[in-house]
């Protein structure tokens, strides 16, 4: 005979109770391990065995329907249990699902919102602690220090290039029989225009840095500038 299996939420809807009640049945042993297929959150209910366990193990007030007979999930609708409070965010996914038609109460809604806010605060605190740890271990450096490093490296590179222009002017003047002073003046003027544009770009990049940056990133920038 082929076994019929359902998730906790599906089986709860079938019996007219909440998923939380099904989980409680499992925890109390009213639905035994032989009625479960799989483990943990992914476990599924073997319908035939679970029905038999509940028929045998529920007390009369839980098991008897309005007509005084044993509730049978296959052919009869059981008496619904009182809905359990909605679990906070982060609990078992099956426990968060509600049977169709069961409305969330104001208290449950408030608890759910409070749990979500608490989870978000915990996430922010964890991220802050990780950044602080990275800063203390030297993996992060302050953006102000990074900007200073970029400025120093860029200035040093520009000084080297400007000094090289004079040698370039002398070579060009000798090769094309031109005035060294005029060639040097033209090259320096052109280079300074390039330098101003590059300096503006570097400044914009430095100002865009976050409060903390990876130490390795700044090493790369320094090496690239040189």
N, C-alpha and C. Protein backbone atom coordinates (compact mmCIF):
# COMPACT_ATOMS: atom_id res chain seq x y z
N UNK A 1 0.85 -1.20 0.00
CA UNK A 1 0.00 0.00 0.00
C UNK A 1 0.88 1.25 0.00
N UNK A 2 0.56 2.20 -0.85
CA UNK A 2 1.37 3.41 -0.96
C UNK A 2 1.08 4.35 0.21
N UNK A 3 2.13 4.84 0.83
CA UNK A 3 1.97 5.75 1.95
C UNK A 3 1.61 7.14 1.44
N UNK A 4 0.70 7.80 2.14
CA UNK A 4 0.37 9.19 1.84
C UNK A 4 1.08 10.07 2.85
N UNK A 5 1.91 10.98 2.37
CA UNK A 5 2.65 11.85 3.28
C UNK A 5 2.26 13.30 3.04
N UNK A 6 2.36 14.09 4.09
CA UNK A 6 2.04 15.52 4.03
C UNK A 6 3.02 16.29 4.90
N UNK A 7 3.18 17.58 4.61
CA UNK A 7 3.91 18.44 5.53
C UNK A 7 3.07 18.67 6.78
N UNK A 8 3.71 19.20 7.82
CA UNK A 8 2.96 19.48 9.05
C UNK A 8 1.80 20.45 8.77
N UNK A 9 2.10 21.47 7.95
CA UNK A 9 1.06 22.44 7.64
C UNK A 9 -0.11 21.82 6.91
N UNK A 10 0.18 20.95 5.94
CA UNK A 10 -0.88 20.29 5.18
C UNK A 10 -1.70 19.36 6.08
N UNK A 11 -0.99 18.62 6.94
CA UNK A 11 -1.70 17.68 7.81
C UNK A 11 -2.55 18.44 8.84
N UNK A 12 -2.02 19.58 9.31
CA UNK A 12 -2.78 20.39 10.27
C UNK A 12 -4.06 20.91 9.63
N UNK A 13 -3.97 21.39 8.38
CA UNK A 13 -5.16 21.88 7.68
C UNK A 13 -6.16 20.75 7.46
N UNK A 14 -5.64 19.56 7.21
CA UNK A 14 -6.51 18.40 6.98
C UNK A 14 -7.31 18.06 8.23
N UNK A 15 -6.66 18.20 9.39
CA UNK A 15 -7.34 17.87 10.65
C UNK A 15 -8.06 19.08 11.26
N UNK A 16 -7.87 20.26 10.66
CA UNK A 16 -8.55 21.44 11.18
C UNK A 16 -7.91 22.03 12.42
N UNK A 17 -6.59 21.83 12.57
CA UNK A 17 -5.87 22.40 13.70
C UNK A 17 -4.71 23.22 13.16
N UNK A 18 -3.98 23.87 14.05
CA UNK A 18 -2.83 24.66 13.63
C UNK A 18 -1.59 23.78 13.49
N UNK A 19 -0.62 24.21 12.66
CA UNK A 19 0.64 23.47 12.59
C UNK A 19 1.33 23.37 13.95
N UNK A 20 1.15 24.40 14.79
CA UNK A 20 1.76 24.36 16.12
C UNK A 20 1.19 23.20 16.94
N UNK A 21 -0.10 22.92 16.77
CA UNK A 21 -0.69 21.82 17.51
C UNK A 21 -0.14 20.47 17.04
N UNK A 22 0.07 20.34 15.73
CA UNK A 22 0.66 19.10 15.22
C UNK A 22 2.07 18.92 15.78
N UNK A 23 2.85 20.00 15.81
CA UNK A 23 4.20 19.91 16.38
C UNK A 23 4.15 19.52 17.85
N UNK A 24 3.12 20.02 18.57
CA UNK A 24 2.97 19.66 19.98
C UNK A 24 2.61 18.19 20.12
N UNK A 25 1.75 17.69 19.21
CA UNK A 25 1.42 16.26 19.23
C UNK A 25 2.68 15.42 19.08
N UNK A 26 3.56 15.85 18.16
CA UNK A 26 4.81 15.10 17.94
C UNK A 26 5.69 15.16 19.18
N UNK A 27 5.81 16.36 19.76
CA UNK A 27 6.66 16.52 20.95
C UNK A 27 6.13 15.70 22.13
N UNK A 28 4.80 15.59 22.25
CA UNK A 28 4.20 14.84 23.36
C UNK A 28 4.12 13.35 23.09
N UNK A 29 4.51 12.92 21.89
CA UNK A 29 4.45 11.50 21.56
C UNK A 29 3.09 11.02 21.11
N UNK A 30 2.14 11.94 20.94
CA UNK A 30 0.82 11.52 20.45
C UNK A 30 0.89 11.10 18.99
N UNK A 31 1.82 11.71 18.25
CA UNK A 31 2.20 11.22 16.93
C UNK A 31 3.61 10.66 17.08
N UNK A 32 3.75 9.35 16.95
CA UNK A 32 5.03 8.71 17.22
C UNK A 32 6.01 8.81 16.06
N UNK A 33 7.28 8.44 16.31
CA UNK A 33 8.31 8.49 15.27
C UNK A 33 7.98 7.66 14.04
N UNK A 34 7.22 6.58 14.22
CA UNK A 34 6.89 5.74 13.07
C UNK A 34 5.96 6.44 12.09
N UNK A 35 5.35 7.55 12.53
CA UNK A 35 4.45 8.31 11.65
C UNK A 35 5.18 9.45 10.95
N UNK A 36 6.50 9.53 11.13
CA UNK A 36 7.29 10.60 10.53
C UNK A 36 8.22 10.03 9.48
N UNK A 37 8.34 10.72 8.39
CA UNK A 37 9.25 10.33 7.32
C UNK A 37 10.25 11.46 7.13
N UNK A 38 11.51 11.20 7.45
CA UNK A 38 12.53 12.24 7.42
C UNK A 38 12.75 12.80 8.81
N UNK A 39 13.63 13.80 8.90
CA UNK A 39 13.98 14.36 10.19
C UNK A 39 13.93 15.87 10.13
N UNK A 40 13.79 16.49 11.31
CA UNK A 40 13.86 17.93 11.42
C UNK A 40 12.73 18.64 10.70
N UNK A 41 13.07 19.81 10.15
CA UNK A 41 12.06 20.64 9.51
C UNK A 41 11.51 20.01 8.24
N UNK A 42 12.30 19.16 7.62
CA UNK A 42 11.86 18.55 6.36
C UNK A 42 11.04 17.28 6.57
N UNK A 43 10.83 16.87 7.82
CA UNK A 43 10.08 15.64 8.09
C UNK A 43 8.64 15.79 7.60
N UNK A 44 8.11 14.70 7.06
CA UNK A 44 6.73 14.68 6.57
C UNK A 44 5.91 13.70 7.41
N UNK A 45 4.62 13.95 7.47
CA UNK A 45 3.70 13.12 8.25
C UNK A 45 3.18 11.99 7.37
N UNK A 46 3.29 10.74 7.86
CA UNK A 46 2.66 9.60 7.18
C UNK A 46 1.21 9.56 7.67
N UNK A 47 0.29 9.93 6.78
CA UNK A 47 -1.09 10.22 7.18
C UNK A 47 -1.76 9.05 7.89
N UNK A 48 -1.70 7.86 7.30
CA UNK A 48 -2.42 6.72 7.86
C UNK A 48 -1.95 6.39 9.27
N UNK A 49 -0.63 6.40 9.47
CA UNK A 49 -0.08 6.06 10.79
C UNK A 49 -0.40 7.16 11.80
N UNK A 50 -0.26 8.42 11.38
CA UNK A 50 -0.55 9.53 12.29
C UNK A 50 -2.01 9.54 12.71
N UNK A 51 -2.91 9.25 11.76
CA UNK A 51 -4.34 9.18 12.12
C UNK A 51 -4.58 8.10 13.18
N UNK A 52 -3.92 6.96 12.99
CA UNK A 52 -4.10 5.86 13.93
C UNK A 52 -3.55 6.22 15.31
N UNK A 53 -2.38 6.86 15.33
CA UNK A 53 -1.79 7.26 16.62
C UNK A 53 -2.71 8.23 17.35
N UNK A 54 -3.23 9.22 16.63
CA UNK A 54 -4.08 10.21 17.28
C UNK A 54 -5.39 9.60 17.76
N UNK A 55 -5.93 8.67 16.98
CA UNK A 55 -7.17 8.01 17.39
C UNK A 55 -6.97 7.23 18.68
N UNK A 56 -5.76 6.68 18.88
CA UNK A 56 -5.48 5.86 20.05
C UNK A 56 -5.04 6.69 21.25
N UNK A 57 -4.37 7.83 21.00
CA UNK A 57 -3.67 8.50 22.09
C UNK A 57 -4.29 9.82 22.55
N UNK A 58 -5.15 10.43 21.75
CA UNK A 58 -5.79 11.66 22.21
C UNK A 58 -6.85 11.33 23.26
N UNK A 59 -7.01 12.22 24.26
CA UNK A 59 -8.05 11.98 25.25
C UNK A 59 -9.42 12.26 24.64
N UNK A 60 -10.47 11.92 25.38
CA UNK A 60 -11.82 11.98 24.82
C UNK A 60 -12.20 13.39 24.40
N UNK A 61 -11.78 14.41 25.18
CA UNK A 61 -12.17 15.78 24.85
C UNK A 61 -11.54 16.25 23.56
N UNK A 62 -10.38 15.68 23.20
CA UNK A 62 -9.72 16.05 21.96
C UNK A 62 -10.16 15.18 20.81
N UNK A 63 -10.45 13.91 21.10
CA UNK A 63 -10.71 12.96 20.02
C UNK A 63 -12.15 12.92 19.59
N UNK A 64 -13.13 13.25 20.49
CA UNK A 64 -14.54 13.11 20.14
C UNK A 64 -15.06 14.35 19.42
N UNK A 65 -15.85 14.11 18.37
CA UNK A 65 -16.46 15.21 17.64
C UNK A 65 -17.76 15.61 18.30
N UNK A 66 -18.54 16.49 17.61
CA UNK A 66 -19.78 17.01 18.19
C UNK A 66 -20.82 15.93 18.36
N UNK A 67 -20.78 14.87 17.54
CA UNK A 67 -21.78 13.80 17.64
C UNK A 67 -21.38 12.70 18.60
N UNK A 68 -20.23 12.87 19.33
CA UNK A 68 -19.81 11.89 20.32
C UNK A 68 -19.03 10.76 19.75
N UNK A 69 -18.77 10.71 18.43
CA UNK A 69 -18.01 9.62 17.83
C UNK A 69 -16.57 10.05 17.64
N UNK A 70 -15.69 9.06 17.45
CA UNK A 70 -14.27 9.34 17.22
C UNK A 70 -14.11 10.10 15.91
N UNK A 71 -13.35 11.22 15.96
CA UNK A 71 -13.14 12.00 14.74
C UNK A 71 -12.26 11.23 13.79
N UNK A 72 -12.66 11.17 12.55
CA UNK A 72 -11.89 10.51 11.50
C UNK A 72 -11.55 11.55 10.45
N UNK A 73 -10.26 11.77 10.26
CA UNK A 73 -9.86 12.84 9.35
C UNK A 73 -10.21 12.53 7.92
N UNK A 74 -10.30 11.23 7.57
CA UNK A 74 -10.54 10.87 6.18
C UNK A 74 -11.95 11.19 5.77
N UNK A 75 -12.96 10.84 6.61
CA UNK A 75 -14.36 10.96 6.22
C UNK A 75 -15.13 12.03 6.98
N UNK A 76 -14.61 12.49 8.16
CA UNK A 76 -15.34 13.43 8.98
C UNK A 76 -14.47 14.62 9.30
N UNK A 77 -15.08 15.74 9.60
CA UNK A 77 -14.34 16.95 9.98
C UNK A 77 -14.17 16.96 11.48
N UNK A 78 -12.94 16.99 12.01
CA UNK A 78 -12.73 16.97 13.46
C UNK A 78 -13.05 18.32 14.08
N UNK A 79 -13.22 18.29 15.42
CA UNK A 79 -13.42 19.53 16.14
C UNK A 79 -12.14 20.34 16.10
N UNK A 80 -12.18 21.60 15.62
CA UNK A 80 -10.95 22.39 15.59
C UNK A 80 -10.48 22.74 16.99
N UNK A 81 -9.16 22.69 17.17
CA UNK A 81 -8.58 23.11 18.44
C UNK A 81 -8.46 24.63 18.46
N UNK A 82 -8.27 25.16 19.65
CA UNK A 82 -8.07 26.60 19.78
C UNK A 82 -6.76 26.99 19.09
N UNK A 83 -6.76 28.02 18.22
CA UNK A 83 -5.53 28.40 17.52
C UNK A 83 -4.43 28.77 18.49
N UNK A 84 -3.24 28.29 18.20
CA UNK A 84 -2.09 28.63 19.03
C UNK A 84 -1.55 29.99 18.61
N UNK A 85 -0.88 30.73 19.52
CA UNK A 85 -0.30 32.02 19.16
C UNK A 85 0.66 31.87 17.99
N UNK A 86 0.69 32.89 17.14
CA UNK A 86 1.60 32.87 15.98
C UNK A 86 3.03 32.92 16.47
N UNK A 87 3.90 32.00 16.06
CA UNK A 87 5.28 31.99 16.55
C UNK A 87 6.07 33.17 16.01
N UNK A 88 7.10 33.62 16.74
CA UNK A 88 7.94 34.72 16.27
C UNK A 88 8.67 34.34 15.00
N UNK A 89 9.14 35.40 14.28
CA UNK A 89 9.91 35.16 13.06
C UNK A 89 11.18 34.41 13.40
N UNK A 90 11.60 33.52 12.51
CA UNK A 90 12.82 32.75 12.72
C UNK A 90 12.56 31.37 13.24
N UNK A 91 11.28 31.03 13.59
CA UNK A 91 10.97 29.69 14.06
C UNK A 91 10.78 28.77 12.88
N UNK A 92 10.49 27.49 13.19
CA UNK A 92 10.24 26.49 12.16
C UNK A 92 9.22 27.02 11.17
N UNK A 93 9.52 26.91 9.86
CA UNK A 93 8.64 27.44 8.83
C UNK A 93 7.26 26.85 8.91
N UNK A 94 7.12 25.56 9.29
CA UNK A 94 5.81 24.94 9.40
C UNK A 94 4.98 25.60 10.49
N UNK A 95 5.64 26.05 11.56
CA UNK A 95 4.92 26.64 12.67
C UNK A 95 4.38 28.01 12.32
N UNK A 96 4.95 28.67 11.31
CA UNK A 96 4.51 30.00 10.96
C UNK A 96 3.31 29.98 10.03
N UNK A 97 3.03 28.87 9.39
CA UNK A 97 1.89 28.79 8.48
C UNK A 97 0.61 28.58 9.29
N UNK A 98 -0.45 29.22 8.86
CA UNK A 98 -1.72 29.15 9.57
C UNK A 98 -2.75 28.47 8.69
N UNK A 99 -3.69 27.74 9.27
CA UNK A 99 -4.75 27.14 8.47
C UNK A 99 -5.58 28.22 7.78
N UNK A 100 -6.11 27.90 6.61
CA UNK A 100 -6.94 28.85 5.88
C UNK A 100 -8.13 29.28 6.74
N UNK A 101 -8.39 30.58 6.75
CA UNK A 101 -9.55 31.08 7.48
C UNK A 101 -9.27 31.45 8.92
N UNK A 102 -8.08 31.16 9.45
CA UNK A 102 -7.75 31.53 10.83
C UNK A 102 -7.04 32.87 10.80
N UNK A 103 -7.70 33.91 11.31
CA UNK A 103 -7.15 35.26 11.25
C UNK A 103 -6.13 35.49 12.35
N UNK A 104 -5.18 36.36 12.07
CA UNK A 104 -4.16 36.72 13.05
C UNK A 104 -4.75 37.73 14.03
N UNK A 105 -4.55 37.50 15.32
CA UNK A 105 -5.06 38.43 16.32
C UNK A 105 -4.12 39.61 16.46
N UNK A 106 -4.60 40.67 17.13
CA UNK A 106 -3.76 41.85 17.33
C UNK A 106 -2.53 41.51 18.16
N UNK A 107 -2.71 40.67 19.16
CA UNK A 107 -1.58 40.27 20.00
C UNK A 107 -0.54 39.52 19.19
N UNK A 108 -1.00 38.59 18.36
CA UNK A 108 -0.08 37.82 17.51
C UNK A 108 0.64 38.73 16.53
N UNK A 109 -0.08 39.70 15.96
CA UNK A 109 0.54 40.64 15.02
C UNK A 109 1.60 41.47 15.72
N UNK A 110 1.30 41.92 16.94
CA UNK A 110 2.28 42.71 17.70
C UNK A 110 3.51 41.88 18.03
N UNK A 111 3.31 40.62 18.41
CA UNK A 111 4.44 39.74 18.71
C UNK A 111 5.28 39.50 17.47
N UNK A 112 4.61 39.32 16.33
CA UNK A 112 5.35 39.07 15.09
C UNK A 112 6.19 40.28 14.71
N UNK A 113 5.60 41.49 14.79
CA UNK A 113 6.35 42.71 14.45
C UNK A 113 7.52 42.91 15.41
N UNK A 114 7.28 42.68 16.70
CA UNK A 114 8.36 42.83 17.69
C UNK A 114 9.50 41.85 17.41
N UNK A 115 9.15 40.62 17.05
CA UNK A 115 10.18 39.62 16.76
C UNK A 115 10.97 40.00 15.51
N UNK A 116 10.29 40.53 14.50
CA UNK A 116 10.99 40.96 13.29
C UNK A 116 11.94 42.11 13.58
N UNK A 117 11.48 43.08 14.39
CA UNK A 117 12.34 44.20 14.75
C UNK A 117 13.55 43.73 15.56
N UNK A 118 13.32 42.79 16.46
CA UNK A 118 14.42 42.26 17.27
C UNK A 118 15.44 41.54 16.40
N UNK A 119 14.96 40.78 15.41
CA UNK A 119 15.86 40.08 14.50
C UNK A 119 16.67 41.06 13.67
N UNK A 120 16.04 42.16 13.23
CA UNK A 120 16.74 43.17 12.44
C UNK A 120 17.81 43.87 13.28
N UNK A 121 17.48 44.18 14.54
CA UNK A 121 18.44 44.81 15.43
C UNK A 121 19.63 43.88 15.68
N UNK A 122 19.36 42.59 15.84
CA UNK A 122 20.44 41.63 16.04
C UNK A 122 21.34 41.56 14.82
N UNK A 123 20.74 41.64 13.63
CA UNK A 123 21.53 41.61 12.40
C UNK A 123 22.44 42.83 12.31
N UNK A 124 21.90 44.01 12.64
CA UNK A 124 22.70 45.24 12.59
C UNK A 124 23.82 45.20 13.62
N UNK A 125 23.52 44.69 14.82
CA UNK A 125 24.54 44.60 15.86
C UNK A 125 25.65 43.65 15.45
N UNK A 126 25.29 42.53 14.83
CA UNK A 126 26.30 41.57 14.36
C UNK A 126 27.20 42.20 13.31
N UNK A 127 26.61 42.93 12.37
CA UNK A 127 27.41 43.59 11.33
C UNK A 127 28.35 44.63 11.94
N UNK A 128 27.85 45.38 12.93
CA UNK A 128 28.68 46.39 13.59
C UNK A 128 29.85 45.74 14.32
N UNK A 129 29.59 44.64 15.01
CA UNK A 129 30.65 43.94 15.74
C UNK A 129 31.70 43.38 14.78
N UNK A 130 31.26 42.90 13.61
CA UNK A 130 32.22 42.39 12.64
C UNK A 130 33.11 43.50 12.10
N UNK A 131 32.51 44.67 11.83
CA UNK A 131 33.32 45.80 11.36
C UNK A 131 34.32 46.23 12.43
N UNK A 132 33.86 46.27 13.69
CA UNK A 132 34.75 46.68 14.77
C UNK A 132 35.91 45.69 14.92
N UNK A 133 35.58 44.40 14.82
CA UNK A 133 36.63 43.38 14.92
C UNK A 133 37.64 43.51 13.79
N UNK A 134 37.14 43.76 12.58
CA UNK A 134 38.03 43.92 11.43
C UNK A 134 38.92 45.14 11.61
N UNK A 135 38.36 46.23 12.17
CA UNK A 135 39.15 47.43 12.40
C UNK A 135 40.24 47.18 13.43
N UNK A 136 39.89 46.46 14.50
CA UNK A 136 40.85 46.19 15.56
C UNK A 136 41.96 45.25 15.11
N UNK A 137 41.65 44.33 14.21
CA UNK A 137 42.67 43.39 13.73
C UNK A 137 43.48 43.95 12.57
N UNK A 138 43.16 45.17 12.13
CA UNK A 138 43.96 45.79 11.07
C UNK A 138 43.49 45.50 9.67
N UNK A 139 42.39 44.76 9.51
CA UNK A 139 41.92 44.47 8.16
C UNK A 139 41.23 45.68 7.55
N UNK A 140 40.65 46.55 8.40
CA UNK A 140 40.06 47.80 7.93
C UNK A 140 40.96 48.96 8.35
N UNK A 141 40.95 50.02 7.57
CA UNK A 141 41.58 51.27 7.98
C UNK A 141 40.56 52.38 7.80
N UNK A 142 40.77 53.51 8.50
CA UNK A 142 39.85 54.63 8.38
C UNK A 142 39.95 55.23 6.99
N UNK A 143 38.82 55.69 6.46
CA UNK A 143 38.82 56.27 5.12
C UNK A 143 39.69 57.52 5.07
N UNK A 144 39.76 58.28 6.19
CA UNK A 144 40.61 59.47 6.21
C UNK A 144 42.08 59.09 5.99
N UNK A 145 42.51 57.99 6.61
CA UNK A 145 43.88 57.52 6.39
C UNK A 145 44.07 57.07 4.95
N UNK A 146 43.05 56.43 4.39
CA UNK A 146 43.15 55.98 3.01
C UNK A 146 43.27 57.16 2.06
N UNK A 147 42.47 58.21 2.31
CA UNK A 147 42.56 59.40 1.45
C UNK A 147 43.93 60.03 1.52
N UNK A 148 44.50 60.07 2.72
CA UNK A 148 45.84 60.64 2.87
C UNK A 148 46.87 59.82 2.10
N UNK A 149 46.74 58.50 2.14
CA UNK A 149 47.66 57.64 1.40
C UNK A 149 47.54 57.88 -0.10
N UNK A 150 46.31 58.01 -0.59
CA UNK A 150 46.10 58.25 -2.02
C UNK A 150 46.73 59.58 -2.43
N UNK A 151 46.51 60.62 -1.60
CA UNK A 151 47.06 61.94 -1.93
C UNK A 151 48.58 61.92 -1.98
N UNK A 152 49.21 61.25 -1.00
CA UNK A 152 50.67 61.19 -0.98
C UNK A 152 51.22 60.44 -2.19
N UNK A 153 50.61 59.31 -2.49
CA UNK A 153 51.08 58.51 -3.62
C UNK A 153 50.90 59.24 -4.95
N UNK A 154 49.76 59.93 -5.08
CA UNK A 154 49.49 60.67 -6.32
C UNK A 154 50.46 61.82 -6.49
N UNK A 155 50.70 62.58 -5.41
CA UNK A 155 51.63 63.71 -5.49
C UNK A 155 53.03 63.24 -5.85
N UNK A 156 53.46 62.13 -5.26
CA UNK A 156 54.80 61.61 -5.57
C UNK A 156 54.90 61.21 -7.03
N UNK A 157 53.85 60.58 -7.56
CA UNK A 157 53.87 60.17 -8.96
C UNK A 157 53.92 61.37 -9.89
N UNK A 158 53.16 62.42 -9.58
CA UNK A 158 53.15 63.62 -10.41
C UNK A 158 54.52 64.31 -10.40
N UNK A 159 55.16 64.34 -9.23
CA UNK A 159 56.48 64.97 -9.15
C UNK A 159 57.49 64.25 -10.03
N UNK A 160 57.44 62.93 -10.01
CA UNK A 160 58.36 62.14 -10.85
C UNK A 160 58.11 62.42 -12.32
N UNK A 161 56.83 62.46 -12.71
CA UNK A 161 56.51 62.69 -14.13
C UNK A 161 56.89 64.11 -14.57
N UNK A 162 56.66 65.10 -13.70
CA UNK A 162 56.99 66.48 -14.07
C UNK A 162 58.50 66.66 -14.21
N UNK A 163 59.24 65.98 -13.34
CA UNK A 163 60.71 66.05 -13.47
C UNK A 163 61.17 65.41 -14.78
N UNK A 164 60.48 64.34 -15.19
CA UNK A 164 60.87 63.69 -16.43
C UNK A 164 60.56 64.51 -17.67
N UNK A 165 59.63 65.48 -17.55
CA UNK A 165 59.29 66.30 -18.71
C UNK A 165 60.49 67.11 -19.18
N UNK A 166 61.30 67.57 -18.25
CA UNK A 166 62.46 68.39 -18.63
C UNK A 166 63.44 67.57 -19.47
N UNK A 167 63.62 66.31 -19.09
CA UNK A 167 64.49 65.45 -19.90
C UNK A 167 63.87 65.20 -21.27
N UNK A 168 62.55 65.02 -21.32
CA UNK A 168 61.88 64.82 -22.59
C UNK A 168 62.01 66.05 -23.47
N UNK A 169 61.90 67.24 -22.87
CA UNK A 169 62.02 68.49 -23.63
C UNK A 169 63.40 68.61 -24.26
N UNK A 170 64.41 68.26 -23.48
CA UNK A 170 65.78 68.35 -24.01
C UNK A 170 65.97 67.39 -25.18
N UNK A 171 65.47 66.19 -25.08
CA UNK A 171 65.60 65.21 -26.16
C UNK A 171 64.85 65.65 -27.41
N UNK A 172 63.63 66.15 -27.24
CA UNK A 172 62.84 66.60 -28.38
C UNK A 172 63.46 67.81 -29.06
N UNK A 173 63.95 68.75 -28.25
CA UNK A 173 64.58 69.95 -28.81
C UNK A 173 65.80 69.58 -29.64
N UNK A 174 66.61 68.65 -29.14
CA UNK A 174 67.80 68.24 -29.88
C UNK A 174 67.43 67.49 -31.16
N UNK A 175 66.39 66.67 -31.09
CA UNK A 175 66.02 65.85 -32.24
C UNK A 175 65.41 66.69 -33.37
N UNK A 176 64.60 67.68 -33.01
CA UNK A 176 63.90 68.46 -34.04
C UNK A 176 64.46 69.88 -34.18
N UNK A 177 65.60 70.16 -33.52
CA UNK A 177 66.28 71.46 -33.60
C UNK A 177 65.32 72.58 -33.19
N UNK A 178 64.72 72.43 -32.02
CA UNK A 178 63.81 73.42 -31.48
C UNK A 178 64.39 74.01 -30.20
N UNK A 179 63.76 75.07 -29.72
CA UNK A 179 64.19 75.69 -28.47
C UNK A 179 63.78 74.80 -27.31
N UNK A 180 64.76 74.44 -26.49
CA UNK A 180 64.46 73.57 -25.35
C UNK A 180 63.48 74.24 -24.39
N UNK A 181 63.60 75.55 -24.20
CA UNK A 181 62.72 76.27 -23.29
C UNK A 181 61.28 76.25 -23.79
N UNK A 182 61.10 76.44 -25.11
CA UNK A 182 59.75 76.45 -25.66
C UNK A 182 59.11 75.06 -25.58
N UNK A 183 59.90 74.03 -25.91
CA UNK A 183 59.38 72.67 -25.83
C UNK A 183 59.01 72.32 -24.38
N UNK A 184 59.89 72.69 -23.45
CA UNK A 184 59.62 72.40 -22.04
C UNK A 184 58.36 73.12 -21.57
N UNK A 185 58.21 74.39 -21.98
CA UNK A 185 57.03 75.16 -21.58
C UNK A 185 55.74 74.51 -22.10
N UNK A 186 55.76 74.08 -23.36
CA UNK A 186 54.57 73.46 -23.97
C UNK A 186 54.22 72.15 -23.28
N UNK A 187 55.25 71.34 -22.99
CA UNK A 187 54.99 70.05 -22.35
C UNK A 187 54.46 70.22 -20.93
N UNK A 188 55.08 71.15 -20.18
CA UNK A 188 54.65 71.38 -18.80
C UNK A 188 53.21 71.89 -18.76
N UNK A 189 52.87 72.80 -19.69
CA UNK A 189 51.51 73.34 -19.73
C UNK A 189 50.49 72.23 -20.00
N UNK A 190 50.81 71.36 -20.97
CA UNK A 190 49.90 70.26 -21.30
C UNK A 190 49.78 69.27 -20.14
N UNK A 191 50.93 68.98 -19.51
CA UNK A 191 50.92 68.02 -18.41
C UNK A 191 50.11 68.54 -17.22
N UNK A 192 50.21 69.84 -16.94
CA UNK A 192 49.48 70.39 -15.80
C UNK A 192 47.97 70.31 -16.00
N UNK A 193 47.52 70.46 -17.25
CA UNK A 193 46.10 70.30 -17.52
C UNK A 193 45.65 68.87 -17.25
N UNK A 194 46.51 67.92 -17.67
CA UNK A 194 46.21 66.51 -17.41
C UNK A 194 46.22 66.24 -15.90
N UNK A 195 47.19 66.82 -15.21
CA UNK A 195 47.32 66.61 -13.77
C UNK A 195 46.10 67.14 -13.01
N UNK A 196 45.60 68.30 -13.43
CA UNK A 196 44.43 68.87 -12.76
C UNK A 196 43.21 67.98 -12.90
N UNK A 197 43.02 67.43 -14.11
CA UNK A 197 41.88 66.53 -14.31
C UNK A 197 42.03 65.26 -13.48
N UNK A 198 43.26 64.71 -13.48
CA UNK A 198 43.50 63.49 -12.71
C UNK A 198 43.33 63.73 -11.21
N UNK A 199 43.80 64.90 -10.73
CA UNK A 199 43.67 65.21 -9.31
C UNK A 199 42.20 65.32 -8.91
N UNK A 200 41.39 65.91 -9.80
CA UNK A 200 39.96 66.02 -9.51
C UNK A 200 39.31 64.64 -9.43
N UNK A 201 39.73 63.74 -10.33
CA UNK A 201 39.19 62.37 -10.31
C UNK A 201 39.58 61.64 -9.03
N UNK A 202 40.87 61.76 -8.64
CA UNK A 202 41.33 61.11 -7.42
C UNK A 202 40.59 61.66 -6.19
N UNK A 203 40.35 62.97 -6.18
CA UNK A 203 39.65 63.57 -5.04
C UNK A 203 38.23 63.04 -4.93
N UNK A 204 37.55 62.93 -6.09
CA UNK A 204 36.18 62.41 -6.08
C UNK A 204 36.15 60.97 -5.58
N UNK A 205 37.13 60.16 -6.02
CA UNK A 205 37.18 58.76 -5.58
C UNK A 205 37.43 58.67 -4.08
N UNK A 206 38.32 59.53 -3.56
CA UNK A 206 38.64 59.49 -2.14
C UNK A 206 37.45 59.91 -1.29
N UNK A 207 36.71 60.94 -1.74
CA UNK A 207 35.55 61.40 -0.98
C UNK A 207 34.42 60.38 -0.97
N UNK A 208 34.41 59.51 -1.97
CA UNK A 208 33.35 58.50 -2.07
C UNK A 208 33.61 57.28 -1.20
N UNK A 209 34.78 57.21 -0.56
CA UNK A 209 35.10 56.05 0.28
C UNK A 209 34.18 56.00 1.49
N UNK A 210 33.80 54.79 1.94
CA UNK A 210 33.02 54.66 3.17
C UNK A 210 33.88 54.98 4.39
N UNK A 211 33.25 54.92 5.57
CA UNK A 211 33.99 55.27 6.79
C UNK A 211 35.19 54.35 7.00
N UNK A 212 35.00 53.06 6.71
CA UNK A 212 36.08 52.09 6.82
C UNK A 212 36.25 51.40 5.49
N UNK A 213 37.50 51.11 5.11
CA UNK A 213 37.77 50.42 3.86
C UNK A 213 38.74 49.28 4.13
N UNK A 214 38.73 48.28 3.24
CA UNK A 214 39.66 47.16 3.37
C UNK A 214 41.09 47.66 3.23
N UNK A 215 41.95 47.23 4.14
CA UNK A 215 43.34 47.67 4.10
C UNK A 215 43.99 47.27 2.80
N UNK A 216 43.69 46.06 2.29
CA UNK A 216 44.29 45.58 1.04
C UNK A 216 43.95 46.45 -0.14
N UNK A 217 42.74 47.06 -0.16
CA UNK A 217 42.35 47.89 -1.27
C UNK A 217 43.24 49.11 -1.36
N UNK A 218 43.57 49.68 -0.22
CA UNK A 218 44.40 50.87 -0.25
C UNK A 218 45.83 50.56 -0.66
N UNK A 219 46.32 49.37 -0.33
CA UNK A 219 47.65 48.98 -0.78
C UNK A 219 47.68 48.92 -2.28
N UNK A 220 46.62 48.36 -2.88
CA UNK A 220 46.55 48.28 -4.34
C UNK A 220 46.54 49.66 -4.96
N UNK A 221 45.77 50.61 -4.37
CA UNK A 221 45.69 51.94 -4.92
C UNK A 221 47.05 52.62 -4.89
N UNK A 222 47.74 52.41 -3.77
CA UNK A 222 49.05 53.03 -3.66
C UNK A 222 50.01 52.50 -4.68
N UNK A 223 49.99 51.19 -4.90
CA UNK A 223 50.90 50.59 -5.86
C UNK A 223 50.55 51.03 -7.27
N UNK A 224 49.21 51.16 -7.56
CA UNK A 224 48.82 51.56 -8.89
C UNK A 224 49.25 52.98 -9.19
N UNK A 225 49.20 53.86 -8.15
CA UNK A 225 49.57 55.25 -8.37
C UNK A 225 51.05 55.40 -8.64
N UNK A 226 51.87 54.51 -8.06
CA UNK A 226 53.31 54.59 -8.26
C UNK A 226 53.71 53.99 -9.60
